[in-house]
C-alpha atoms as a PDB file:
ATOM      1  CA  UNK A   1     210.218  34.958 205.903  1.00  0.00           C
ATOM      2  CA  UNK A   2     211.680  38.134 207.433  1.00  0.00           C
ATOM      3  CA  UNK A   3     210.995  39.170 211.020  1.00  0.00           C
ATOM      4  CA  UNK A   4     208.370  41.765 210.108  1.00  0.00           C
ATOM      5  CA  UNK A   5     206.339  39.229 208.138  1.00  0.00           C
ATOM      6  CA  UNK A   6     206.821  36.604 210.821  1.00  0.00           C
ATOM      7  CA  UNK A   7     205.517  38.982 213.469  1.00  0.00           C
ATOM      8  CA  UNK A   8     202.586  39.947 211.272  1.00  0.00           C
ATOM      9  CA  UNK A   9     201.762  36.300 210.600  1.00  0.00           C
ATOM     10  CA  UNK A  10     201.780  35.541 214.320  1.00  0.00           C
ATOM     11  CA  UNK A  11     199.430  38.449 215.024  1.00  0.00           C
ATOM     12  CA  UNK A  12     196.994  37.567 212.243  1.00  0.00           C
ATOM     13  CA  UNK A  13     197.060  33.836 212.997  1.00  0.00           C
ATOM     14  CA  UNK A  14     196.160  34.650 216.602  1.00  0.00           C
ATOM     15  CA  UNK A  15     193.187  36.739 215.458  1.00  0.00           C
ATOM     16  CA  UNK A  16     192.079  34.009 213.041  1.00  0.00           C
ATOM     17  CA  UNK A  17     191.978  31.548 215.956  1.00  0.00           C
ATOM     18  CA  UNK A  18     189.892  34.057 217.903  1.00  0.00           C
ATOM     19  CA  UNK A  19     187.301  34.833 215.214  1.00  0.00           C
ATOM     20  CA  UNK A  20     187.145  31.676 213.053  1.00  0.00           C
ATOM     21  CA  UNK A  21     184.828  30.029 215.576  1.00  0.00           C
ATOM     22  CA  UNK A  22     181.145  29.005 215.646  1.00  0.00           C
ATOM     23  CA  UNK A  23     180.456  31.891 218.043  1.00  0.00           C
ATOM     24  CA  UNK A  24     181.225  34.211 215.120  1.00  0.00           C
ATOM     25  CA  UNK A  25     178.218  32.881 213.208  1.00  0.00           C
ATOM     26  CA  UNK A  26     175.333  34.153 215.307  1.00  0.00           C
ATOM     27  CA  UNK A  27     175.809  37.879 214.675  1.00  0.00           C
ATOM     28  CA  UNK A  28     177.091  37.578 211.097  1.00  0.00           C
ATOM     29  CA  UNK A  29     175.063  37.250 207.855  1.00  0.00           C
ATOM     30  CA  UNK A  30     176.554  33.759 207.419  1.00  0.00           C
ATOM     31  CA  UNK A  31     174.024  32.681 210.058  1.00  0.00           C
ATOM     32  CA  UNK A  32     171.382  32.647 207.268  1.00  0.00           C
ATOM     33  CA  UNK A  33     172.837  29.834 205.131  1.00  0.00           C
ATOM     34  CA  UNK A  34     173.794  27.989 208.336  1.00  0.00           C
ATOM     35  CA  UNK A  35     170.093  27.421 208.902  1.00  0.00           C
ATOM     36  CA  UNK A  36     170.066  24.900 206.049  1.00  0.00           C
ATOM     37  CA  UNK A  37     171.642  21.537 205.284  1.00  0.00           C
ATOM     38  CA  UNK A  38     170.717  21.025 201.603  1.00  0.00           C
ATOM     39  CA  UNK A  39     173.519  22.242 199.329  1.00  0.00           C
ATOM     40  CA  UNK A  40     171.310  24.297 197.025  1.00  0.00           C
ATOM     41  CA  UNK A  41     169.490  25.914 199.966  1.00  0.00           C
ATOM     42  CA  UNK A  42     172.844  26.932 201.439  1.00  0.00           C
ATOM     43  CA  UNK A  43     173.943  28.373 198.079  1.00  0.00           C
ATOM     44  CA  UNK A  44     170.778  30.432 197.606  1.00  0.00           C
ATOM     45  CA  UNK A  45     170.468  31.612 201.205  1.00  0.00           C
ATOM     46  CA  UNK A  46     174.175  32.455 201.165  1.00  0.00           C
ATOM     47  CA  UNK A  47     173.890  34.486 197.972  1.00  0.00           C
ATOM     48  CA  UNK A  48     171.089  36.634 199.388  1.00  0.00           C
ATOM     49  CA  UNK A  49     172.892  37.021 202.713  1.00  0.00           C
ATOM     50  CA  UNK A  50     176.089  38.122 200.961  1.00  0.00           C
ATOM     51  CA  UNK A  51     174.417  40.487 198.494  1.00  0.00           C
ATOM     52  CA  UNK A  52     172.417  42.156 201.281  1.00  0.00           C
ATOM     53  CA  UNK A  53     175.434  42.304 203.614  1.00  0.00           C
ATOM     54  CA  UNK A  54     175.815  46.041 203.901  1.00  0.00           C
ATOM     55  CA  UNK A  55     174.653  48.314 206.668  1.00  0.00           C
ATOM     56  CA  UNK A  56     173.465  47.233 210.109  1.00  0.00           C
ATOM     57  CA  UNK A  57     174.057  43.530 210.632  1.00  0.00           C
ATOM     58  CA  UNK A  58     170.871  43.057 212.658  1.00  0.00           C
ATOM     59  CA  UNK A  59     168.847  44.568 209.794  1.00  0.00           C
ATOM     60  CA  UNK A  60     170.690  42.366 207.274  1.00  0.00           C
ATOM     61  CA  UNK A  61     169.872  39.212 209.222  1.00  0.00           C
ATOM     62  CA  UNK A  62     166.254  40.236 209.860  1.00  0.00           C
ATOM     63  CA  UNK A  63     165.616  41.006 206.192  1.00  0.00           C
ATOM     64  CA  UNK A  64     167.222  37.747 205.085  1.00  0.00           C
ATOM     65  CA  UNK A  65     165.071  35.865 207.578  1.00  0.00           C
ATOM     66  CA  UNK A  66     162.008  37.511 206.007  1.00  0.00           C
ATOM     67  CA  UNK A  67     163.122  36.322 202.575  1.00  0.00           C
ATOM     68  CA  UNK A  68     163.645  32.758 203.766  1.00  0.00           C
ATOM     69  CA  UNK A  69     160.207  32.756 205.428  1.00  0.00           C
ATOM     70  CA  UNK A  70     158.614  33.980 202.191  1.00  0.00           C
ATOM     71  CA  UNK A  71     160.389  31.114 200.445  1.00  0.00           C
ATOM     72  CA  UNK A  72     158.786  28.660 202.885  1.00  0.00           C
ATOM     73  CA  UNK A  73     162.202  27.906 204.432  1.00  0.00           C
ATOM     74  CA  UNK A  74     163.042  25.923 201.288  1.00  0.00           C
ATOM     75  CA  UNK A  75     164.672  28.408 198.874  1.00  0.00           C
ATOM     76  CA  UNK A  76     165.742  25.873 196.246  1.00  0.00           C
ATOM     77  CA  UNK A  77     162.297  24.357 195.966  1.00  0.00           C
ATOM     78  CA  UNK A  78     160.753  27.833 195.979  1.00  0.00           C
ATOM     79  CA  UNK A  79     162.842  29.232 193.111  1.00  0.00           C
ATOM     80  CA  UNK A  80     162.068  26.179 190.980  1.00  0.00           C
ATOM     81  CA  UNK A  81     158.378  25.691 191.771  1.00  0.00           C
ATOM     82  CA  UNK A  82     156.912  29.043 192.840  1.00  0.00           C
ATOM     83  CA  UNK A  83     153.928  30.515 191.047  1.00  0.00           C
ATOM     84  CA  UNK A  84     153.385  34.174 190.259  1.00  0.00           C
ATOM     85  CA  UNK A  85     150.996  34.645 193.156  1.00  0.00           C
ATOM     86  CA  UNK A  86     153.739  33.498 195.553  1.00  0.00           C
ATOM     87  CA  UNK A  87     155.757  36.597 194.642  1.00  0.00           C
ATOM     88  CA  UNK A  88     153.093  39.149 195.583  1.00  0.00           C
ATOM     89  CA  UNK A  89     154.079  39.131 199.252  1.00  0.00           C
ATOM     90  CA  UNK A  90     157.549  40.305 198.237  1.00  0.00           C
ATOM     91  CA  UNK A  91     156.473  43.460 196.438  1.00  0.00           C
ATOM     92  CA  UNK A  92     157.213  45.753 199.374  1.00  0.00           C
ATOM     93  CA  UNK A  93     160.673  44.394 200.105  1.00  0.00           C
ATOM     94  CA  UNK A  94     163.565  46.815 200.498  1.00  0.00           C
ATOM     95  CA  UNK A  95     167.028  46.667 202.033  1.00  0.00           C
ATOM     96  CA  UNK A  96     169.029  49.813 201.430  1.00  0.00           C
ATOM     97  CA  UNK A  97     168.887  50.229 197.625  1.00  0.00           C
ATOM     98  CA  UNK A  98     167.972  46.571 196.997  1.00  0.00           C
ATOM     99  CA  UNK A  99     164.239  46.491 196.344  1.00  0.00           C
ATOM    100  CA  UNK A 100     161.479  44.188 195.099  1.00  0.00           C
ATOM    101  CA  UNK A 101     162.468  44.688 191.447  1.00  0.00           C
ATOM    102  CA  UNK A 102     165.936  43.405 192.227  1.00  0.00           C
ATOM    103  CA  UNK A 103     164.608  40.569 194.378  1.00  0.00           C
ATOM    104  CA  UNK A 104     162.250  39.311 191.678  1.00  0.00           C
ATOM    105  CA  UNK A 105     165.052  39.321 189.125  1.00  0.00           C
ATOM    106  CA  UNK A 106     167.332  37.367 191.462  1.00  0.00           C
ATOM    107  CA  UNK A 107     164.598  34.758 191.845  1.00  0.00           C
ATOM    108  CA  UNK A 108     164.077  34.695 188.078  1.00  0.00           C
ATOM    109  CA  UNK A 109     167.790  34.167 187.454  1.00  0.00           C
ATOM    110  CA  UNK A 110     168.019  31.439 190.091  1.00  0.00           C
ATOM    111  CA  UNK A 111     165.053  29.637 188.534  1.00  0.00           C
ATOM    112  CA  UNK A 112     166.738  29.867 185.138  1.00  0.00           C
ATOM    113  CA  UNK A 113     170.042  28.591 186.505  1.00  0.00           C
ATOM    114  CA  UNK A 114     168.777  25.752 188.672  1.00  0.00           C
ATOM    115  CA  UNK A 115     166.525  24.536 185.872  1.00  0.00           C
ATOM    116  CA  UNK A 116     169.739  23.641 184.031  1.00  0.00           C
ATOM    117  CA  UNK A 117     172.358  23.092 186.774  1.00  0.00           C
ATOM    118  CA  UNK A 118     172.559  21.386 190.140  1.00  0.00           C
ATOM    119  CA  UNK A 119     174.891  23.907 191.784  1.00  0.00           C
ATOM    120  CA  UNK A 120     175.457  27.647 191.717  1.00  0.00           C
ATOM    121  CA  UNK A 121     179.169  26.877 191.432  1.00  0.00           C
ATOM    122  CA  UNK A 122     178.549  26.348 187.713  1.00  0.00           C
ATOM    123  CA  UNK A 123     177.532  30.001 187.441  1.00  0.00           C
ATOM    124  CA  UNK A 124     181.092  30.964 188.384  1.00  0.00           C
ATOM    125  CA  UNK A 125     183.000  28.115 186.727  1.00  0.00           C
ATOM    126  CA  UNK A 126     181.183  26.560 183.750  1.00  0.00           C
ATOM    127  CA  UNK A 127     183.911  23.999 183.075  1.00  0.00           C
ATOM    128  CA  UNK A 128     185.170  21.107 185.180  1.00  0.00           C
ATOM    129  CA  UNK A 129     188.160  22.956 186.630  1.00  0.00           C
ATOM    130  CA  UNK A 130     189.324  26.507 187.254  1.00  0.00           C
ATOM    131  CA  UNK A 131     192.996  27.080 186.498  1.00  0.00           C
ATOM    132  CA  UNK A 132     193.494  30.831 186.913  1.00  0.00           C
ATOM    133  CA  UNK A 133     195.714  32.430 189.532  1.00  0.00           C
ATOM    134  CA  UNK A 134     192.816  34.246 191.200  1.00  0.00           C
ATOM    135  CA  UNK A 135     189.035  34.234 190.986  1.00  0.00           C
ATOM    136  CA  UNK A 136     188.975  37.387 188.859  1.00  0.00           C
ATOM    137  CA  UNK A 137     187.854  35.528 185.726  1.00  0.00           C
ATOM    138  CA  UNK A 138     185.205  33.641 187.702  1.00  0.00           C
ATOM    139  CA  UNK A 139     183.747  36.913 188.992  1.00  0.00           C
ATOM    140  CA  UNK A 140     183.652  38.403 185.506  1.00  0.00           C
ATOM    141  CA  UNK A 141     181.979  35.265 184.154  1.00  0.00           C
ATOM    142  CA  UNK A 142     179.383  35.252 186.933  1.00  0.00           C
ATOM    143  CA  UNK A 143     178.495  38.902 186.333  1.00  0.00           C
ATOM    144  CA  UNK A 144     178.092  38.369 182.593  1.00  0.00           C
ATOM    145  CA  UNK A 145     176.111  35.179 183.055  1.00  0.00           C
ATOM    146  CA  UNK A 146     173.898  36.655 185.775  1.00  0.00           C
ATOM    147  CA  UNK A 147     172.778  39.394 183.397  1.00  0.00           C
ATOM    148  CA  UNK A 148     172.643  37.228 180.267  1.00  0.00           C
ATOM    149  CA  UNK A 149     168.840  36.999 180.412  1.00  0.00           C
ATOM    150  CA  UNK A 150     166.424  39.932 180.244  1.00  0.00           C
ATOM    151  CA  UNK A 151     166.921  42.015 183.369  1.00  0.00           C
ATOM    152  CA  UNK A 152     166.191  45.436 184.895  1.00  0.00           C
ATOM    153  CA  UNK A 153     169.123  47.759 184.368  1.00  0.00           C
ATOM    154  CA  UNK A 154     168.960  48.968 187.970  1.00  0.00           C
ATOM    155  CA  UNK A 155     169.833  45.494 189.285  1.00  0.00           C
ATOM    156  CA  UNK A 156     173.318  45.585 187.722  1.00  0.00           C
ATOM    157  CA  UNK A 157     174.632  47.612 190.646  1.00  0.00           C
ATOM    158  CA  UNK A 158     174.012  44.699 193.008  1.00  0.00           C
ATOM    159  CA  UNK A 159     176.415  42.257 191.348  1.00  0.00           C
ATOM    160  CA  UNK A 160     179.864  43.785 191.109  1.00  0.00           C
ATOM    161  CA  UNK A 161     182.632  42.937 188.654  1.00  0.00           C
ATOM    162  CA  UNK A 162     186.394  43.525 188.583  1.00  0.00           C
ATOM    163  CA  UNK A 163     185.916  45.056 185.130  1.00  0.00           C
ATOM    164  CA  UNK A 164     184.457  48.108 186.884  1.00  0.00           C
ATOM    165  CA  UNK A 165     187.399  48.179 189.329  1.00  0.00           C
ATOM    166  CA  UNK A 166     185.089  47.161 192.182  1.00  0.00           C
ATOM    167  CA  UNK A 167     186.635  45.330 195.128  1.00  0.00           C
ATOM    168  CA  UNK A 168     183.709  42.861 194.803  1.00  0.00           C
ATOM    169  CA  UNK A 169     183.694  42.529 198.583  1.00  0.00           C
ATOM    170  CA  UNK A 170     180.351  40.782 198.992  1.00  0.00           C
ATOM    171  CA  UNK A 171     180.835  38.261 196.184  1.00  0.00           C
ATOM    172  CA  UNK A 172     184.351  37.501 197.429  1.00  0.00           C
ATOM    173  CA  UNK A 173     182.876  36.938 200.876  1.00  0.00           C
ATOM    174  CA  UNK A 174     180.274  34.601 199.377  1.00  0.00           C
ATOM    175  CA  UNK A 175     182.993  32.625 197.613  1.00  0.00           C
ATOM    176  CA  UNK A 176     184.924  32.388 200.868  1.00  0.00           C
ATOM    177  CA  UNK A 177     181.834  30.845 202.475  1.00  0.00           C
ATOM    178  CA  UNK A 178     181.359  28.329 199.660  1.00  0.00           C
ATOM    179  CA  UNK A 179     185.011  27.414 198.974  1.00  0.00           C
ATOM    180  CA  UNK A 180     187.111  27.593 202.162  1.00  0.00           C
ATOM    181  CA  UNK A 181     187.560  24.273 203.931  1.00  0.00           C
ATOM    182  CA  UNK A 182     188.509  23.741 207.560  1.00  0.00           C
ATOM    183  CA  UNK A 183     187.048  22.072 210.641  1.00  0.00           C
ATOM    184  CA  UNK A 184     186.004  25.248 212.450  1.00  0.00           C
ATOM    185  CA  UNK A 185     182.390  25.180 211.320  1.00  0.00           C
ATOM    186  CA  UNK A 186     182.036  28.682 209.874  1.00  0.00           C
ATOM    187  CA  UNK A 187     182.783  28.430 206.132  1.00  0.00           C
ATOM    188  CA  UNK A 188     181.003  25.637 204.271  1.00  0.00           C
ATOM    189  CA  UNK A 189     183.610  24.342 201.814  1.00  0.00           C
ATOM    190  CA  UNK A 190     180.880  23.045 199.485  1.00  0.00           C
ATOM    191  CA  UNK A 191     182.593  23.831 196.187  1.00  0.00           C
ATOM    192  CA  UNK A 192     185.585  22.072 194.657  1.00  0.00           C
ATOM    193  CA  UNK A 193     186.266  23.686 191.267  1.00  0.00           C
ATOM    194  CA  UNK A 194     187.829  26.728 192.933  1.00  0.00           C
ATOM    195  CA  UNK A 195     190.552  26.167 195.516  1.00  0.00           C
ATOM    196  CA  UNK A 196     191.056  28.307 198.636  1.00  0.00           C
ATOM    197  CA  UNK A 197     194.406  29.539 197.304  1.00  0.00           C
ATOM    198  CA  UNK A 198     192.577  31.212 194.377  1.00  0.00           C
ATOM    199  CA  UNK A 199     190.246  33.229 196.600  1.00  0.00           C
ATOM    200  CA  UNK A 200     190.614  36.997 196.863  1.00  0.00           C
ATOM    201  CA  UNK A 201     190.339  38.461 200.350  1.00  0.00           C
ATOM    202  CA  UNK A 202     187.092  40.437 200.807  1.00  0.00           C
ATOM    203  CA  UNK A 203     188.005  44.119 200.970  1.00  0.00           C
ATOM    204  CA  UNK A 204     185.937  47.034 202.216  1.00  0.00           C
ATOM    205  CA  UNK A 205     186.904  50.362 203.744  1.00  0.00           C
ATOM    206  CA  UNK A 206     187.306  48.848 207.231  1.00  0.00           C
ATOM    207  CA  UNK A 207     189.575  46.019 206.078  1.00  0.00           C
ATOM    208  CA  UNK A 208     191.530  48.390 203.824  1.00  0.00           C
ATOM    209  CA  UNK A 209     192.132  50.732 206.764  1.00  0.00           C
ATOM    210  CA  UNK A 210     193.440  47.891 208.929  1.00  0.00           C
ATOM    211  CA  UNK A 211     195.585  46.559 206.065  1.00  0.00           C
ATOM    212  CA  UNK A 212     197.126  49.990 205.548  1.00  0.00           C
ATOM    213  CA  UNK A 213     197.966  50.287 209.252  1.00  0.00           C
ATOM    214  CA  UNK A 214     199.620  46.859 209.080  1.00  0.00           C
ATOM    215  CA  UNK A 215     201.577  48.026 206.003  1.00  0.00           C
ATOM    216  CA  UNK A 216     199.888  45.442 203.795  1.00  0.00           C
ATOM    217  CA  UNK A 217     198.478  48.232 201.610  1.00  0.00           C
ATOM    218  CA  UNK A 218     199.820  51.650 200.692  1.00  0.00           C
ATOM    219  CA  UNK A 219     196.390  53.297 200.964  1.00  0.00           C
ATOM    220  CA  UNK A 220     192.899  52.509 202.228  1.00  0.00           C
ATOM    221  CA  UNK A 221     191.115  52.541 198.876  1.00  0.00           C
ATOM    222  CA  UNK A 222     188.536  49.787 198.448  1.00  0.00           C
ATOM    223  CA  UNK A 223     189.013  48.721 194.825  1.00  0.00           C
ATOM    224  CA  UNK A 224     189.952  45.622 192.851  1.00  0.00           C
ATOM    225  CA  UNK A 225     193.622  46.541 192.562  1.00  0.00           C
ATOM    226  CA  UNK A 226     193.934  46.753 196.332  1.00  0.00           C
ATOM    227  CA  UNK A 227     191.940  43.544 196.823  1.00  0.00           C
ATOM    228  CA  UNK A 228     194.479  41.722 194.647  1.00  0.00           C
ATOM    229  CA  UNK A 229     197.426  43.497 196.241  1.00  0.00           C
ATOM    230  CA  UNK A 230     196.225  42.579 199.733  1.00  0.00           C
ATOM    231  CA  UNK A 231     195.644  38.969 198.697  1.00  0.00           C
ATOM    232  CA  UNK A 232     199.137  38.645 197.229  1.00  0.00           C
ATOM    233  CA  UNK A 233     200.563  40.011 200.479  1.00  0.00           C
ATOM    234  CA  UNK A 234     198.526  37.525 202.499  1.00  0.00           C
ATOM    235  CA  UNK A 235     199.755  34.689 200.282  1.00  0.00           C
ATOM    236  CA  UNK A 236     203.211  35.324 201.689  1.00  0.00           C
ATOM    237  CA  UNK A 237     201.785  34.397 205.092  1.00  0.00           C
ATOM    238  CA  UNK A 238     199.589  31.497 203.939  1.00  0.00           C
ATOM    239  CA  UNK A 239     200.004  30.528 200.250  1.00  0.00           C
ATOM    240  CA  UNK A 240     197.237  27.913 200.277  1.00  0.00           C
ATOM    241  CA  UNK A 241     194.569  29.868 202.181  1.00  0.00           C
ATOM    242  CA  UNK A 242     195.108  33.652 202.080  1.00  0.00           C
ATOM    243  CA  UNK A 243     191.405  34.459 202.570  1.00  0.00           C
ATOM    244  CA  UNK A 244     191.484  32.938 206.054  1.00  0.00           C
ATOM    245  CA  UNK A 245     192.906  36.277 207.168  1.00  0.00           C
ATOM    246  CA  UNK A 246     189.576  37.901 206.371  1.00  0.00           C
ATOM    247  CA  UNK A 247     188.626  36.818 209.888  1.00  0.00           C
ATOM    248  CA  UNK A 248     191.602  38.598 211.411  1.00  0.00           C
ATOM    249  CA  UNK A 249     191.297  41.813 209.378  1.00  0.00           C
ATOM    250  CA  UNK A 250     187.520  41.985 209.852  1.00  0.00           C
ATOM    251  CA  UNK A 251     187.865  41.324 213.576  1.00  0.00           C
ATOM    252  CA  UNK A 252     190.574  43.941 214.008  1.00  0.00           C
ATOM    253  CA  UNK A 253     188.531  46.503 212.069  1.00  0.00           C
ATOM    254  CA  UNK A 254     185.032  45.918 213.391  1.00  0.00           C
ATOM    255  CA  UNK A 255     185.335  44.312 216.795  1.00  0.00           C
ATOM    256  CA  UNK A 256     188.604  45.818 218.009  1.00  0.00           C
ATOM    257  CA  UNK A 257     188.512  49.177 216.150  1.00  0.00           C
ATOM    258  CA  UNK A 258     192.195  48.732 215.340  1.00  0.00           C
END
């Protein structure tokens, strides 16, 4: 490793140690799935928290808390056993452009999926193992599977896919939560078909800007090509766990205004 990369690794590792801590949880959307201990509850709460994770973080957390309350603080049981009348209280829901139509479809899909599978991991990887270099194929499969039953066309914008050149920031963040394994208590490490080395670093405009300033990216565009390019750069610093640097890049961009 040359001196530039070594210096960069030291900087980012220091920031990972600073932000990959339980104190990070309280003001981040990941606080929502951390309220639960049952695997399926964590998966469902995490999916909603990730999909709604845009805009003001206080509003994100408050709206997710409303959803969990409407689901009687037992999202897995709710999606499997709810009756039509239980959905009426949700008809006025809105977070940014995500509204009640989208919410009801998400619940419908989750009921469909969990009626046939024990984990949402199977929605990303239908087989026993996942052998690709990155999670690109898993994201494409999830998007196609998610919309494989009758759905409102408007909801498609809320589940991104690499096929549309999207950076897929929120779904990549969700996969980081479910897949990454360490003893720091932030990410859950519930899933085993995908390994941390296959994860793609979540990329938005803030992370892209920081990555460009660190010369990890040539520009600050938030697209799939740059998400892969950034991840491959980060693999030079940590081949087995490149997405751990999401903590460092996010912290530099949001908390430190780097």
